[in-house]
Each structure stands twice: as structure tokens, then as C-alpha cells.
Amino acid sequence: MRARAVFNGPVMALLSTGRARRVDALYALGYFVIGTLLHLVVPDVAVRLNEGSDPSTWLVLGGLAVAALGETQRRARPVLGLVIALVALVGMVQLAFVPLAIMLVLGDLLYCSVLHTSRRVSWAVAGACAVVAGGAALMSLVFEGGRAAVLVLLNLGLVLAVPVLWGREVRLHSEHAAAERERAEQASRMAELDRSAAVAAERARMARDLHDVIAGQLSGIAIQSEAALTLPDPDPVVLRRVLASVRRDSVASLTEMRTMIGLLRADGAGDADPRTAPAGLDRLDALLESARATGLRITVDDARAGAPVPAAVDLAAHRIVQESLTNAAKHAPGSRARLHLDDCDGELVIELDNDLVPDAPPGGGTGTGLLGLRERADAVGGTVAAGPDGGRWRVRAVLPVPAPAEVAR
């Protein structure tokens, strides 16, 4: 496809150039035919510099042919075409007979020289026309008087100023349109960059959610399974409780994974299964039961007053508690842990601390857990602090909770 595009670029340029040349040739033919008909039918439609000047028809047609030859360069090399038309004009001035068709050709080539050239050449052509008109008017003023100077200025103004000013106006509009098009393209590119950044941010958020689901619940499953396998003489009741917890966490992981896959789809066609509600602190009991099944001894101090919590804050709190319990089970298996929840002064406070186990096995984490906690808190305007504190590992999160009226609104 790219090779075809590279090949088609020069081909289209050649086709466009060939089409322009054919159009210019038609212009040249049209001016020649019109000039010939005017001269044959109404020969008086011309500028006679001397009374009684009447050159032969072949000389007039020759001048028309030279001027029409300049029209073949009206867009490719308009200045060259203008020079050719001026040669024809000078030749007809020598004969004291200038056909109207040559003046029309001269005006068209002046227009093209202003429109289809560089900015410097365009200004040079306009300046040369002003100099010619002013010089001719000055000479008429000196040798023939004021009346003749005014007539010369008016005549040259119609012949030179109209096509030049017309070409300048069209050129300004074209440049303005090109600038607007460039700004629109830049805005489109910036919008595309913004969309790419939004997509990248959304992918990062989904990667964080996947980490929370996989690293939280599936890590708990792995820890519980390992604990069950290392028991020398497992109690059937304990073993059944561990397997039930493993199954519950597996089902929860699959359910959340299906919800995530549904969000990643382009549309909801064919997805008849209802999606689960976002996880929140209403599922705290399930988190604690799964953590206790890994061997953690958890005590809970829930001092919340039951004030309504926005869904985003509730989800962030759930993930923070889940990740903190998972890290405790990984790095301090079998330790004592304490979870404290409180809401006061418009803030939801989460504190979880556990014993540090010096000889605990490596947790095998990737280091994204604490980063995920901080990103979760930052997303809702909160903060998270984690680190050792007097022989224990402490995680403290503070999440803002708006007033009930703001939550309702």
C-alpha cells in the first residue's frame, strides 16, 4: 500500500501538470480565435495610435499568434508568458495598431503573474506595473499636459491595475485559506495526540485494575493453596474451609475479569450477562475471610459512622485494603494484623499494620503494589503512606469524603 502511494504521488503530479497544460493550450487557442474573429468582423475594435494606421491582416494575426503563445505558459511560467505577450504588444505598437485581444491576453497574464508566482515575484510584477503607469502619466504630463496625463493614467489603470489588484486579492484569500487549513491540521494532530494520551492513561488504569484483581485475589489463592499443601496431617474441616475460600476467590476473580473484558470491548453487542457493580467496602468481610484463610490473624476496628461514600472513593478504599492484606500475607505470613477504619472531618481513614517477620520468605512481588496504592489514592484526591513503624509495617490512607449534600448532587 505504501509503495502504491509513493508511486501514485508523482503520477498524480504529472497528470495534474498535463491537465493544466491542456487547459492553458485551450486558453491560447480561445484568445487567438476570438482575436481573429474580432479583427475580421469588427476591425475597428482596436487601439489606433495614429490616424489611418491599418496594418495587413497577416501582421495582426501574427501578433495575435505570438500573444496567444504566451498563454500556454499562464500557470507553469506566467512571467515568461507575460514577456512573450509584451513582445507581441511592442510589435503591434510599432505598427500603431493594438488589437483588443492582445490587451485581454496581457491582462490575463498579469493576473497569473501575480497569483501563480512567489511572493517576491508577485510584488515585483505589481511594482513594475505601478512604475509603468506612473512613468507614462508623468511623460504625458510633461509633453502633452494634464488632460493627457489623466487619460493615460485612467487607461493604464484599467489595463494594469485591475488584473494586478484582482490577482492580489485572490492570492490573499488563497494564503488565508491555506493558513486556516494548516491550523486545522495542527489542531487535528493535537487532538490525535490528546486521544493517544487518553488511551495510554486508560490502559494504565486498566493495567492497575488487572494488577489489583490478579495480584490480590490470585495471590491469596496461591498462599492458601501452599498452606494447605504444607500441612502434615490436614484437618478435614480446615482443609475444606481453605478450599472453600480458594473457590470463592477464584469465582470472584473470574467475575471481575469478565467485567474488565466487557469494558474493553468496543461495544456491548452480544453481551447479555449483567456486569457486576464496582467493589467497595461492603465486601470487606470477604476480604478479611480470604486474608484469614492465608494465616493472618486480623482484628478489625471499624469506627465509621456509616456516612455515604462516593463510588470512586469506595472502590479506592476496597483496593487499598485488598492490596495491603495481600502484601501482609506475602511478606509476613501468619503475623498479627490490625485494620482500623474511621470517617471524620470529611475524610475516610484506613490504617492497617502487621508484625514484621525477619525470616519471612521473599514475596516475589514486582514492586507495583505500593505504587498502585498511591495512584489509587491520588485518583480521588487522597494520600497513602507506607513503611516500618516500631517493629510493625504500617499502611495509612486518607481519602476525602464529600458532605452528604455533595454526594447526593
Protein backbone atom coordinates (compact mmCIF):
# COMPACT_ATOMS: atom_id res chain seq x y z
CA MET A 1 0.00 0.00 0.00
CA ARG A 2 2.79 2.41 0.88
CA ALA A 3 4.67 1.59 -2.35
CA ARG A 4 1.49 2.26 -4.30
CA ALA A 5 1.08 5.62 -2.54
CA VAL A 6 4.71 6.58 -3.27
CA PHE A 7 4.19 5.62 -6.91
CA ASN A 8 0.87 7.41 -7.23
CA GLY A 9 2.25 10.72 -5.88
CA PRO A 10 4.47 11.56 -8.92
CA VAL A 11 1.89 10.07 -11.28
CA MET A 12 -0.85 12.34 -9.91
CA ALA A 13 1.53 15.31 -10.12
CA LEU A 14 2.26 14.52 -13.77
CA LEU A 15 -1.42 14.09 -14.56
CA SER A 16 -2.22 17.40 -12.87
CA THR A 17 0.57 19.17 -14.79
CA GLY A 18 -0.60 17.64 -18.07
CA ARG A 19 -4.19 18.70 -17.40
CA ALA A 20 -3.04 22.27 -16.62
CA ARG A 21 -1.07 22.42 -19.85
CA ARG A 22 -4.06 21.26 -21.86
CA VAL A 23 -6.24 23.92 -20.22
CA ASP A 24 -3.63 26.62 -20.94
CA ALA A 25 -3.44 25.48 -24.57
CA LEU A 26 -7.22 25.84 -24.79
CA TYR A 27 -6.91 29.37 -23.37
CA ALA A 28 -4.30 30.22 -26.02
CA LEU A 29 -6.46 28.81 -28.80
CA GLY A 30 -9.54 30.62 -27.49
CA TYR A 31 -7.81 34.00 -27.35
CA PHE A 32 -6.41 33.54 -30.85
CA VAL A 33 -9.79 32.55 -32.30
CA ILE A 34 -11.61 35.40 -30.54
CA GLY A 35 -8.97 37.92 -31.63
CA THR A 36 -9.10 36.68 -35.22
CA LEU A 37 -12.90 36.88 -35.36
CA LEU A 38 -12.92 40.37 -33.84
CA HIS A 39 -10.37 41.60 -36.35
CA LEU A 40 -12.15 40.06 -39.33
CA VAL A 41 -15.68 41.05 -38.28
CA VAL A 42 -15.13 44.37 -36.46
CA PRO A 43 -11.59 45.56 -37.25
CA ASP A 44 -12.25 48.89 -35.56
CA VAL A 45 -12.19 47.17 -32.11
CA ALA A 46 -8.54 48.11 -31.53
CA VAL A 47 -6.31 50.90 -30.22
CA ARG A 48 -5.03 53.04 -33.12
CA LEU A 49 -2.05 55.16 -32.15
CA ASN A 50 -2.04 57.04 -35.47
CA GLU A 51 -4.92 58.03 -37.66
CA GLY A 52 -5.16 55.82 -40.70
CA SER A 53 -2.90 53.06 -39.36
CA ASP A 54 -4.19 49.87 -40.94
CA PRO A 55 -1.61 47.02 -40.98
CA SER A 56 -2.18 43.92 -43.06
CA THR A 57 -4.31 41.11 -41.66
CA TRP A 58 -1.36 38.71 -41.65
CA LEU A 59 0.69 41.04 -39.44
CA VAL A 60 -2.20 41.36 -36.98
CA LEU A 61 -2.75 37.61 -36.93
CA GLY A 62 0.98 37.13 -36.39
CA GLY A 63 0.89 39.44 -33.38
CA LEU A 64 -2.16 37.60 -32.06
CA ALA A 65 -0.36 34.27 -32.50
CA VAL A 66 2.67 35.49 -30.53
CA ALA A 67 0.45 36.81 -27.72
CA ALA A 68 -1.54 33.56 -27.65
CA LEU A 69 1.74 31.65 -27.40
CA GLY A 70 2.33 33.40 -24.06
CA GLU A 71 -0.99 32.00 -22.82
CA THR A 72 0.45 28.47 -23.00
CA GLN A 73 2.66 29.43 -20.01
CA ARG A 74 -0.04 31.18 -17.94
CA ARG A 75 0.29 28.83 -14.92
CA ALA A 76 3.55 26.95 -15.45
CA ARG A 77 5.74 30.04 -16.11
CA PRO A 78 3.46 33.09 -16.10
CA VAL A 79 6.31 35.63 -16.12
CA LEU A 80 7.68 34.06 -19.32
CA GLY A 81 4.22 34.19 -20.83
CA LEU A 82 3.92 37.86 -19.81
CA VAL A 83 7.25 38.63 -21.52
CA ILE A 84 6.04 36.91 -24.71
CA ALA A 85 2.81 38.92 -24.64
CA LEU A 86 4.80 42.14 -24.10
CA VAL A 87 6.92 41.30 -27.17
CA ALA A 88 3.71 40.97 -29.19
CA LEU A 89 2.43 44.25 -27.70
CA VAL A 90 5.66 46.11 -28.60
CA GLY A 91 5.45 44.74 -32.13
CA MET A 92 1.87 45.94 -32.54
CA VAL A 93 2.77 49.34 -31.06
CA GLN A 94 5.37 49.66 -33.81
CA LEU A 95 2.53 49.15 -36.25
CA ALA A 96 0.44 51.75 -34.32
CA PHE A 97 -2.38 49.19 -34.09
CA VAL A 98 -3.10 47.17 -30.91
CA PRO A 99 -5.99 44.65 -31.16
CA LEU A 100 -8.27 44.29 -28.16
CA ALA A 101 -7.46 40.58 -27.89
CA ILE A 102 -3.80 41.37 -27.15
CA MET A 103 -4.85 43.68 -24.31
CA LEU A 104 -7.05 40.89 -22.91
CA VAL A 105 -4.13 38.44 -23.11
CA LEU A 106 -1.87 40.97 -21.36
CA GLY A 107 -4.39 41.43 -18.53
CA ASP A 108 -4.83 37.68 -18.04
CA LEU A 109 -1.07 37.08 -17.91
CA LEU A 110 -0.64 39.96 -15.43
CA TYR A 111 -3.27 38.31 -13.23
CA CYS A 112 -1.48 34.94 -13.45
CA SER A 113 1.93 36.51 -12.80
CA VAL A 114 0.61 37.97 -9.54
CA LEU A 115 -1.31 34.84 -8.49
CA HIS A 116 0.83 31.86 -9.55
CA THR A 117 4.34 33.06 -8.64
CA SER A 118 6.31 33.51 -5.46
CA ARG A 119 5.52 36.38 -3.12
CA ARG A 120 8.65 38.29 -4.18
CA VAL A 121 7.88 37.95 -7.90
CA SER A 122 4.25 38.88 -7.28
CA TRP A 123 5.25 42.12 -5.57
CA ALA A 124 7.83 42.79 -8.30
CA VAL A 125 5.19 42.50 -11.04
CA ALA A 126 2.80 44.77 -9.14
CA GLY A 127 5.58 47.32 -8.57
CA ALA A 128 6.62 47.24 -12.24
CA CYS A 129 3.03 47.93 -13.29
CA ALA A 130 2.85 50.88 -10.91
CA VAL A 131 6.15 52.26 -12.28
CA VAL A 132 4.99 51.91 -15.89
CA ALA A 133 1.65 53.60 -15.22
CA GLY A 134 3.26 56.39 -13.21
CA GLY A 135 6.06 56.94 -15.73
CA ALA A 136 3.67 57.09 -18.67
CA ALA A 137 1.40 59.54 -16.86
CA LEU A 138 4.42 61.71 -15.95
CA MET A 139 5.66 61.79 -19.55
CA SER A 140 2.20 62.73 -20.79
CA LEU A 141 2.03 65.46 -18.18
CA VAL A 142 5.38 66.89 -19.30
CA PHE A 143 4.85 66.73 -23.06
CA GLU A 144 1.07 66.85 -23.56
CA GLY A 145 -0.42 68.47 -20.47
CA GLY A 146 -2.61 67.48 -17.57
CA ARG A 147 -5.60 66.26 -19.58
CA ALA A 148 -3.50 63.76 -21.50
CA ALA A 149 -1.80 62.61 -18.27
CA VAL A 150 -5.16 61.92 -16.64
CA LEU A 151 -6.38 59.96 -19.67
CA VAL A 152 -3.18 57.91 -19.78
CA LEU A 153 -3.40 57.19 -16.06
CA LEU A 154 -7.04 56.10 -16.34
CA ASN A 155 -6.43 53.90 -19.37
CA LEU A 156 -3.33 52.23 -17.93
CA GLY A 157 -5.11 51.91 -14.60
CA LEU A 158 -7.87 49.88 -16.22
CA VAL A 159 -5.43 47.78 -18.22
CA LEU A 160 -2.81 47.19 -15.49
CA ALA A 161 -4.33 47.88 -12.08
CA VAL A 162 -7.49 45.78 -12.42
CA PRO A 163 -5.77 42.42 -13.16
CA VAL A 164 -2.99 43.14 -10.65
CA LEU A 165 -5.37 44.05 -7.82
CA TRP A 166 -7.64 41.14 -8.68
CA GLY A 167 -4.70 38.74 -8.59
CA ARG A 168 -3.51 40.17 -5.26
CA GLU A 169 -6.97 39.75 -3.72
CA VAL A 170 -7.32 36.14 -4.90
CA ARG A 171 -3.79 35.42 -3.68
CA LEU A 172 -4.54 36.82 -0.21
CA HIS A 173 -7.68 34.72 0.06
CA SER A 174 -5.75 31.61 -1.04
CA GLU A 175 -3.00 32.24 1.51
CA HIS A 176 -5.58 32.80 4.24
CA ALA A 177 -7.35 29.56 3.31
CA ALA A 178 -4.02 27.69 3.33
CA ALA A 179 -3.18 29.10 6.78
CA GLU A 180 -6.60 28.09 8.11
CA ARG A 181 -6.16 24.61 6.66
CA GLU A 182 -2.73 24.33 8.30
CA ARG A 183 -4.17 25.40 11.66
CA ALA A 184 -6.98 22.87 11.27
CA GLU A 185 -4.45 20.13 10.51
CA GLN A 186 -2.37 21.12 13.54
CA ALA A 187 -5.50 21.09 15.72
CA SER A 188 -6.36 17.67 14.33
CA ARG A 189 -2.85 16.40 15.11
CA MET A 190 -3.05 17.82 18.64
CA ALA A 191 -6.46 16.19 19.12
CA GLU A 192 -4.99 12.90 17.92
CA LEU A 193 -2.13 13.26 20.41
CA ASP A 194 -4.65 14.01 23.16
CA ARG A 195 -6.65 10.92 22.20
CA SER A 196 -3.45 8.85 22.24
CA ALA A 197 -2.60 10.19 25.69
CA ALA A 198 -6.12 9.43 26.90
CA VAL A 199 -5.87 5.90 25.53
CA ALA A 200 -2.49 5.42 27.23
CA ALA A 201 -3.91 6.70 30.53
CA GLU A 202 -6.91 4.41 30.22
CA ARG A 203 -4.65 1.44 29.50
CA ALA A 204 -2.55 2.29 32.55
CA ARG A 205 -5.70 2.46 34.69
CA MET A 206 -6.91 -0.91 33.38
CA ALA A 207 -3.46 -2.40 33.96
CA ARG A 208 -3.68 -1.19 37.57
CA ASP A 209 -7.13 -2.76 37.91
CA LEU A 210 -5.86 -6.03 36.48
CA HIS A 211 -2.96 -5.94 38.92
CA ASP A 212 -5.36 -5.41 41.80
CA VAL A 213 -7.51 -8.35 40.75
CA ILE A 214 -4.72 -10.76 39.80
CA ALA A 215 -2.15 -9.86 42.46
CA GLY A 216 -4.77 -9.59 45.18
CA GLN A 217 -7.17 -12.48 44.87
CA LEU A 218 -4.97 -14.91 42.91
CA SER A 219 -2.03 -14.31 45.24
CA GLY A 220 -4.34 -15.14 48.12
CA ILE A 221 -5.33 -18.32 46.32
CA ALA A 222 -1.69 -19.28 45.88
CA ILE A 223 -0.88 -18.63 49.55
CA GLN A 224 -3.90 -20.60 50.77
CA SER A 225 -3.09 -23.50 48.44
CA GLU A 226 0.52 -23.57 49.61
CA ALA A 227 -0.58 -23.51 53.25
CA ALA A 228 -2.94 -26.45 52.63
CA LEU A 229 -0.22 -28.43 50.86
CA THR A 230 2.35 -27.90 53.64
CA LEU A 231 0.11 -29.21 56.42
CA PRO A 232 1.48 -32.64 57.51
CA ASP A 233 -1.84 -34.04 58.73
CA PRO A 234 -4.52 -31.66 57.47
CA ASP A 235 -7.70 -31.40 59.44
CA PRO A 236 -10.60 -32.12 57.03
CA VAL A 237 -12.56 -29.18 58.45
CA VAL A 238 -9.63 -26.76 57.99
CA LEU A 239 -8.86 -28.17 54.57
CA ARG A 240 -12.47 -27.76 53.49
CA ARG A 241 -12.53 -24.16 54.74
CA VAL A 242 -9.34 -23.38 52.80
CA LEU A 243 -10.70 -24.96 49.62
CA ALA A 244 -13.97 -23.06 50.00
CA SER A 245 -12.01 -19.81 50.34
CA VAL A 246 -9.92 -20.71 47.28
CA ARG A 247 -13.07 -21.38 45.28
CA ARG A 248 -14.70 -18.14 46.42
CA ASP A 249 -11.66 -16.06 45.47
CA SER A 250 -11.41 -17.86 42.12
CA VAL A 251 -15.04 -17.14 41.30
CA ALA A 252 -14.63 -13.51 42.36
CA SER A 253 -11.52 -13.16 40.18
CA LEU A 254 -13.32 -14.64 37.18
CA THR A 255 -16.30 -12.36 37.74
CA GLU A 256 -14.16 -9.23 37.90
CA MET A 257 -12.13 -10.41 34.93
CA ARG A 258 -15.31 -10.82 32.89
CA THR A 259 -16.34 -7.32 33.89
CA MET A 260 -12.96 -5.96 32.76
CA ILE A 261 -13.21 -7.79 29.43
CA GLY A 262 -16.68 -6.31 28.95
CA LEU A 263 -15.26 -2.82 29.50
CA LEU A 264 -12.51 -3.47 26.96
CA ARG A 265 -14.96 -4.40 24.24
CA ALA A 266 -15.72 -1.85 21.56
CA ASP A 267 -19.45 -2.30 22.02
CA GLY A 268 -21.81 -4.32 24.13
CA ALA A 269 -23.31 -6.37 21.28
CA GLY A 270 -23.87 -9.96 22.26
CA ASP A 271 -23.05 -9.32 25.92
CA ALA A 272 -26.27 -10.30 27.64
CA ASP A 273 -24.68 -11.05 31.05
CA PRO A 274 -25.10 -8.28 33.61
CA ARG A 275 -21.90 -6.64 34.76
CA THR A 276 -21.02 -6.64 38.41
CA ALA A 277 -21.10 -3.49 40.49
CA PRO A 278 -17.73 -1.93 41.43
CA ALA A 279 -16.17 -3.46 44.52
CA GLY A 280 -16.43 -1.44 47.74
CA LEU A 281 -16.04 -1.70 51.50
CA ASP A 282 -19.36 -3.57 51.63
CA ARG A 283 -17.27 -6.58 50.61
CA LEU A 284 -14.86 -6.12 53.49
CA ASP A 285 -15.94 -9.37 55.18
CA ALA A 286 -14.99 -11.38 52.10
CA LEU A 287 -11.56 -9.73 52.03
CA LEU A 288 -10.98 -10.45 55.73
CA GLU A 289 -12.10 -14.06 55.40
CA SER A 290 -9.74 -14.63 52.47
CA ALA A 291 -6.88 -13.00 54.38
CA ARG A 292 -7.54 -15.09 57.49
CA ALA A 293 -7.51 -18.21 55.32
CA THR A 294 -3.90 -17.38 54.41
CA GLY A 295 -2.93 -17.49 58.11
CA LEU A 296 -3.15 -13.82 59.02
CA ARG A 297 -4.64 -13.09 62.45
CA ILE A 298 -6.64 -9.94 61.83
CA THR A 299 -8.51 -7.74 64.26
CA VAL A 300 -10.85 -5.08 62.91
CA ASP A 301 -11.67 -1.72 64.46
CA ASP A 302 -14.43 -0.21 62.32
CA ALA A 303 -15.34 3.22 63.75
CA ARG A 304 -17.16 4.52 60.70
CA ALA A 305 -20.43 6.37 61.21
CA GLY A 306 -21.97 4.99 58.01
CA ALA A 307 -21.88 8.25 56.02
CA PRO A 308 -22.42 7.87 52.26
CA VAL A 309 -19.19 7.46 50.31
CA PRO A 310 -18.77 8.20 46.57
CA ALA A 311 -18.33 5.10 44.39
CA ALA A 312 -14.83 6.13 43.32
CA VAL A 313 -13.67 6.58 46.93
CA ASP A 314 -15.37 3.33 47.96
CA LEU A 315 -13.62 1.44 45.14
CA ALA A 316 -10.24 3.01 46.01
CA ALA A 317 -10.70 2.07 49.69
CA HIS A 318 -11.56 -1.52 48.77
CA ARG A 319 -8.48 -1.83 46.54
CA ILE A 320 -6.21 -0.28 49.18
CA VAL A 321 -7.42 -2.72 51.85
CA GLN A 322 -7.14 -5.63 49.41
CA GLU A 323 -3.61 -4.78 48.33
CA SER A 324 -2.48 -4.12 51.93
CA LEU A 325 -3.82 -7.51 53.10
CA THR A 326 -2.19 -9.22 50.11
CA ASN A 327 1.18 -7.61 50.89
CA ALA A 328 0.87 -8.63 54.55
CA ALA A 329 0.10 -12.23 53.57
CA LYS A 330 3.05 -12.26 51.17
CA HIS A 331 5.73 -10.67 53.31
CA ALA A 332 4.56 -11.54 56.84
CA PRO A 333 2.65 -14.82 56.64
CA GLY A 334 0.95 -15.86 59.90
CA SER A 335 1.52 -12.46 61.55
CA ARG A 336 -0.89 -10.43 63.62
CA ALA A 337 -2.58 -7.59 61.74
CA ARG A 338 -4.94 -4.82 62.76
CA LEU A 339 -7.31 -2.94 60.47
CA HIS A 340 -8.74 0.40 61.59
CA LEU A 341 -11.42 2.30 59.64
CA ASP A 342 -12.80 5.71 60.56
CA ASP A 343 -14.53 8.65 58.88
CA CYS A 344 -14.31 12.08 60.43
CA ASP A 345 -13.93 15.67 59.26
CA GLY A 346 -14.78 14.71 55.67
CA GLU A 347 -12.05 12.05 55.42
CA LEU A 348 -12.05 8.27 55.28
CA VAL A 349 -9.04 6.95 57.22
CA ILE A 350 -7.71 3.43 56.59
CA GLU A 351 -4.91 2.05 58.76
CA LEU A 352 -3.53 -1.47 58.54
CA ASP A 353 -0.43 -2.63 60.39
CA ASN A 354 1.12 -6.06 60.83
CA ASP A 355 4.13 -7.62 62.53
CA LEU A 356 7.39 -7.64 60.64
CA VAL A 357 8.70 -11.17 60.14
CA PRO A 358 12.50 -11.14 59.83
CA ASP A 359 12.86 -14.65 58.38
CA ALA A 360 9.83 -14.46 56.08
CA PRO A 361 10.33 -15.88 52.56
CA PRO A 362 10.55 -13.41 49.65
CA GLY A 363 7.14 -12.33 48.47
CA GLY A 364 8.10 -12.34 44.82
CA GLY A 365 6.34 -9.04 44.16
CA THR A 366 7.00 -6.70 41.26
CA GLY A 367 7.10 -3.50 43.29
CA THR A 368 3.95 -2.09 41.71
CA GLY A 369 1.74 -2.74 44.73
CA LEU A 370 2.66 0.37 46.73
CA LEU A 371 2.73 2.43 43.55
CA GLY A 372 -0.78 1.21 42.78
CA LEU A 373 -1.92 2.23 46.27
CA ARG A 374 -0.60 5.74 45.82
CA GLU A 375 -2.12 6.06 42.34
CA ARG A 376 -5.48 4.87 43.67
CA ALA A 377 -5.39 7.47 46.41
CA ASP A 378 -4.18 10.24 44.11
CA ALA A 379 -7.02 9.49 41.68
CA VAL A 380 -9.60 10.53 44.31
CA GLY A 381 -7.52 13.31 45.91
CA GLY A 382 -6.17 11.29 48.85
CA THR A 383 -2.80 10.20 50.20
CA VAL A 384 -1.14 6.93 51.20
CA ALA A 385 1.86 6.42 53.48
CA ALA A 386 3.51 3.04 53.99
CA GLY A 387 6.61 1.93 55.89
CA PRO A 388 8.01 0.35 59.06
CA ASP A 389 6.85 1.78 62.37
CA GLY A 390 8.33 0.38 65.58
CA GLY A 391 8.66 -3.25 64.57
CA ARG A 392 5.48 -3.26 62.53
CA TRP A 393 4.62 -2.41 58.94
CA ARG A 394 2.01 0.30 58.71
CA VAL A 395 -0.13 1.48 55.81
CA ARG A 396 -2.20 4.62 56.32
CA ALA A 397 -4.53 6.02 53.67
CA VAL A 398 -6.59 9.19 53.93
CA LEU A 399 -9.31 9.63 51.30
CA PRO A 400 -11.55 12.73 51.07
CA VAL A 401 -15.29 12.14 51.52
CA PRO A 402 -17.59 15.00 50.41
CA ALA A 403 -20.52 16.11 52.53
CA PRO A 404 -23.78 14.16 52.04
CA ALA A 405 -25.31 17.00 50.03
CA GLU A 406 -22.37 16.98 47.61
CA VAL A 407 -22.54 13.19 47.29
CA ALA A 408 -26.26 13.36 46.53
CA ARG A 409 -25.67 16.08 43.95
